Amino acid sequence: MMNLPASTSGFGMTSQLAGNQPINSNLIPNSNGVSSILRVFVQRDYRLGVNIRFAVEFPPELNGRIDQNAYEYTLNHINELFEEAEAFNCSTFSESMIGFVTANLIYLCKDTRYERCLKRVSKFVSEQNQRVYLPRGLQITDPVDRGLRCVS
C-alpha cells in the first residue's frame, strides 16, 4: 500500500473502485487485489481573483461515473455559496460595526454571516453526497474541512 501525496489546493472527490472498503480510505490501485480509492482533485480557480472558487471543468477520470450536468451543478452551487459568503453589503457592514462596538462579544452569542454561509456549504455537500454521489460510489469531502483549499 502506498499513501497518496497531499494536495496543495483544490476540490477533490474520492471514488470507490472495487470491493466494499470504506470510501475514506487512502489506498491507491495495486496488483494485490486490494480495494482501491481513486482521488480526483479539482483545483481552485484564481482567474477571477483570490475569492474562493473551484474550477468547473469536468475531470476525465469521472467519465462514466457521474453525469456531467450533476457535477457542474454541484460545483456551480458551491461557488455561488462562497460568493454569497464573501459579498459585502449593508448586513455585513452592520454586523461588523456591532462587533466593533461590543468588542466582538456579540460573536459569543451569534455566528457571523460568513460562518452561517460555511454551514450552508457543509449542508449542501452532505445533501449532494446522499442524493447523487454516494449511490454512485463517489464522495465529495467538504471544502470547509480542508481549510477551503481541497476537498478529497
Protein backbone atom coordinates (compact mmCIF):
# COMPACT_ATOMS: atom_id res chain seq x y z
CA MET A 1 0.00 0.00 0.00
CA MET A 2 1.11 3.48 -0.80
CA ASN A 3 -0.17 6.78 0.57
CA LEU A 4 -1.32 9.45 -1.82
CA PRO A 5 0.63 12.70 -1.87
CA ALA A 6 -1.04 15.63 -0.18
CA SER A 7 -2.69 18.15 -2.44
CA THR A 8 -1.63 21.76 -2.38
CA SER A 9 -5.04 23.12 -3.23
CA GLY A 10 -8.26 22.10 -4.87
CA PHE A 11 -11.54 20.34 -4.58
CA GLY A 12 -11.43 16.58 -4.51
CA MET A 13 -13.65 13.63 -4.92
CA THR A 14 -12.98 10.07 -3.88
CA SER A 15 -14.32 7.17 -5.82
CA GLN A 16 -14.61 3.56 -4.74
CA LEU A 17 -13.10 1.39 -7.47
CA ALA A 18 -13.66 -2.13 -6.18
CA GLY A 19 -14.78 -4.11 -3.16
CA ASN A 20 -16.53 -2.90 -0.06
CA GLN A 21 -13.81 -0.81 1.58
CA PRO A 22 -14.91 2.48 3.13
CA ILE A 23 -14.77 5.42 0.77
CA ASN A 24 -12.50 7.45 3.05
CA SER A 25 -9.59 5.02 2.61
CA ASN A 26 -6.24 6.35 1.37
CA LEU A 27 -5.38 3.41 -0.88
CA ILE A 28 -4.32 3.58 -4.50
CA PRO A 29 -4.56 0.82 -7.13
CA ASN A 30 -2.13 -2.06 -6.73
CA SER A 31 -1.68 -5.57 -8.09
CA ASN A 32 -2.55 -7.38 -4.83
CA GLY A 33 -6.32 -7.18 -5.39
CA VAL A 34 -6.80 -4.68 -2.55
CA SER A 35 -9.81 -2.41 -2.92
CA SER A 36 -8.65 0.93 -4.16
CA ILE A 37 -9.75 4.50 -3.98
CA LEU A 38 -9.22 6.99 -6.78
CA ARG A 39 -8.89 10.62 -5.75
CA VAL A 40 -9.79 13.37 -8.15
CA PHE A 41 -8.81 16.91 -7.17
CA VAL A 42 -10.44 19.93 -8.71
CA GLN A 43 -8.18 22.93 -8.32
CA ARG A 44 -9.18 26.35 -7.08
CA ASP A 45 -9.96 28.81 -9.87
CA TYR A 46 -7.95 32.02 -9.46
CA ARG A 47 -8.89 33.55 -12.84
CA LEU A 48 -11.33 35.95 -11.16
CA GLY A 49 -9.07 36.80 -8.23
CA VAL A 50 -8.40 35.20 -4.87
CA ASN A 51 -12.03 34.65 -3.91
CA ILE A 52 -12.91 31.07 -3.04
CA ARG A 53 -13.96 29.45 -6.29
CA PHE A 54 -13.40 26.00 -7.76
CA ALA A 55 -12.86 25.21 -11.44
CA VAL A 56 -15.97 23.71 -13.05
CA GLU A 57 -14.28 21.72 -15.83
CA PHE A 58 -15.34 18.08 -15.78
CA PRO A 59 -12.38 15.80 -14.96
CA PRO A 60 -11.91 12.94 -17.46
CA GLU A 61 -11.43 10.47 -14.56
CA LEU A 62 -15.14 10.80 -13.77
CA ASN A 63 -16.39 9.92 -17.27
CA GLY A 64 -18.98 7.19 -16.96
CA ARG A 65 -19.15 7.55 -13.17
CA ILE A 66 -21.34 10.63 -12.87
CA ASP A 67 -23.41 12.84 -15.14
CA GLN A 68 -21.52 15.96 -16.16
CA ASN A 69 -24.56 18.18 -15.50
CA ALA A 70 -24.90 16.92 -11.92
CA TYR A 71 -21.19 17.51 -11.33
CA GLU A 72 -21.31 21.02 -12.77
CA TYR A 73 -24.46 21.85 -10.78
CA THR A 74 -22.70 20.83 -7.56
CA LEU A 75 -19.60 22.91 -8.26
CA ASN A 76 -21.55 25.92 -9.51
CA HIS A 77 -23.75 25.90 -6.42
CA ILE A 78 -20.74 25.60 -4.10
CA ASN A 79 -19.13 28.54 -5.94
CA GLU A 80 -22.35 30.57 -5.57
CA LEU A 81 -22.48 29.87 -1.83
CA PHE A 82 -18.87 31.03 -1.39
CA GLU A 83 -19.58 34.13 -3.50
CA GLU A 84 -22.52 34.94 -1.24
CA ALA A 85 -20.36 34.40 1.86
CA GLU A 86 -17.76 36.86 0.62
CA ALA A 87 -20.19 39.53 -0.59
CA PHE A 88 -20.08 42.89 1.15
CA ASN A 89 -23.42 44.59 1.79
CA CYS A 90 -25.27 46.59 4.45
CA SER A 91 -25.84 43.48 6.54
CA THR A 92 -22.14 42.68 6.61
CA PHE A 93 -21.28 46.29 7.43
CA SER A 94 -23.82 46.39 10.27
CA GLU A 95 -22.59 43.11 11.67
CA SER A 96 -19.01 44.38 11.62
CA MET A 97 -19.96 47.63 13.36
CA ILE A 98 -21.89 45.78 16.08
CA GLY A 99 -18.86 43.55 16.55
CA PHE A 100 -16.62 46.61 16.85
CA VAL A 101 -18.91 48.36 19.37
CA THR A 102 -19.26 45.22 21.52
CA ALA A 103 -15.53 44.36 21.32
CA ASN A 104 -16.55 41.22 19.38
CA LEU A 105 -18.53 39.89 22.36
CA ILE A 106 -21.59 39.61 20.09
CA TYR A 107 -19.86 36.71 18.32
CA LEU A 108 -20.06 34.65 21.51
CA CYS A 109 -23.84 34.66 21.07
CA LYS A 110 -24.21 34.74 17.30
CA ASP A 111 -22.41 33.26 14.29
CA THR A 112 -21.10 35.66 11.70
CA ARG A 113 -22.72 35.80 8.27
CA TYR A 114 -19.63 34.10 6.83
CA GLU A 115 -19.87 31.24 9.34
CA ARG A 116 -23.54 30.76 8.51
CA CYS A 117 -22.69 30.54 4.80
CA LEU A 118 -19.96 27.97 5.52
CA LYS A 119 -22.53 25.87 7.37
CA ARG A 120 -24.78 26.08 4.30
CA VAL A 121 -21.89 24.82 2.13
CA SER A 122 -21.37 21.88 4.50
CA LYS A 123 -25.08 21.07 4.47
CA PHE A 124 -25.23 21.25 0.66
CA VAL A 125 -22.20 18.96 0.25
CA SER A 126 -23.74 16.47 2.67
CA GLU A 127 -27.07 16.52 0.80
CA GLN A 128 -25.35 16.08 -2.58
CA ASN A 129 -23.36 13.14 -1.23
CA GLN A 130 -26.53 11.43 -0.01
CA ARG A 131 -28.60 12.11 -3.14
CA VAL A 132 -26.12 11.99 -6.01
CA TYR A 133 -22.61 10.84 -5.20
CA LEU A 134 -22.76 8.03 -2.61
CA PRO A 135 -25.23 5.94 -4.68
CA ARG A 136 -22.62 6.03 -7.49
CA GLY A 137 -19.71 5.08 -5.24
CA LEU A 138 -18.36 8.63 -5.08
CA GLN A 139 -17.97 11.06 -2.20
CA ILE A 140 -17.23 14.75 -2.00
CA THR A 141 -15.36 15.92 1.08
CA ASP A 142 -16.46 19.26 2.46
CA PRO A 143 -14.05 22.05 1.43
CA VAL A 144 -14.57 23.68 4.84
CA ASP A 145 -12.97 20.63 6.49
CA ARG A 146 -9.85 21.06 4.34
CA GLY A 147 -9.22 24.73 5.01
CA LEU A 148 -11.00 25.77 1.82
CA ARG A 149 -8.08 24.51 -0.23
CA CYS A 150 -9.15 20.99 -1.14
CA VAL A 151 -11.97 18.55 -0.92
CA SER A 152 -10.94 14.94 -1.03
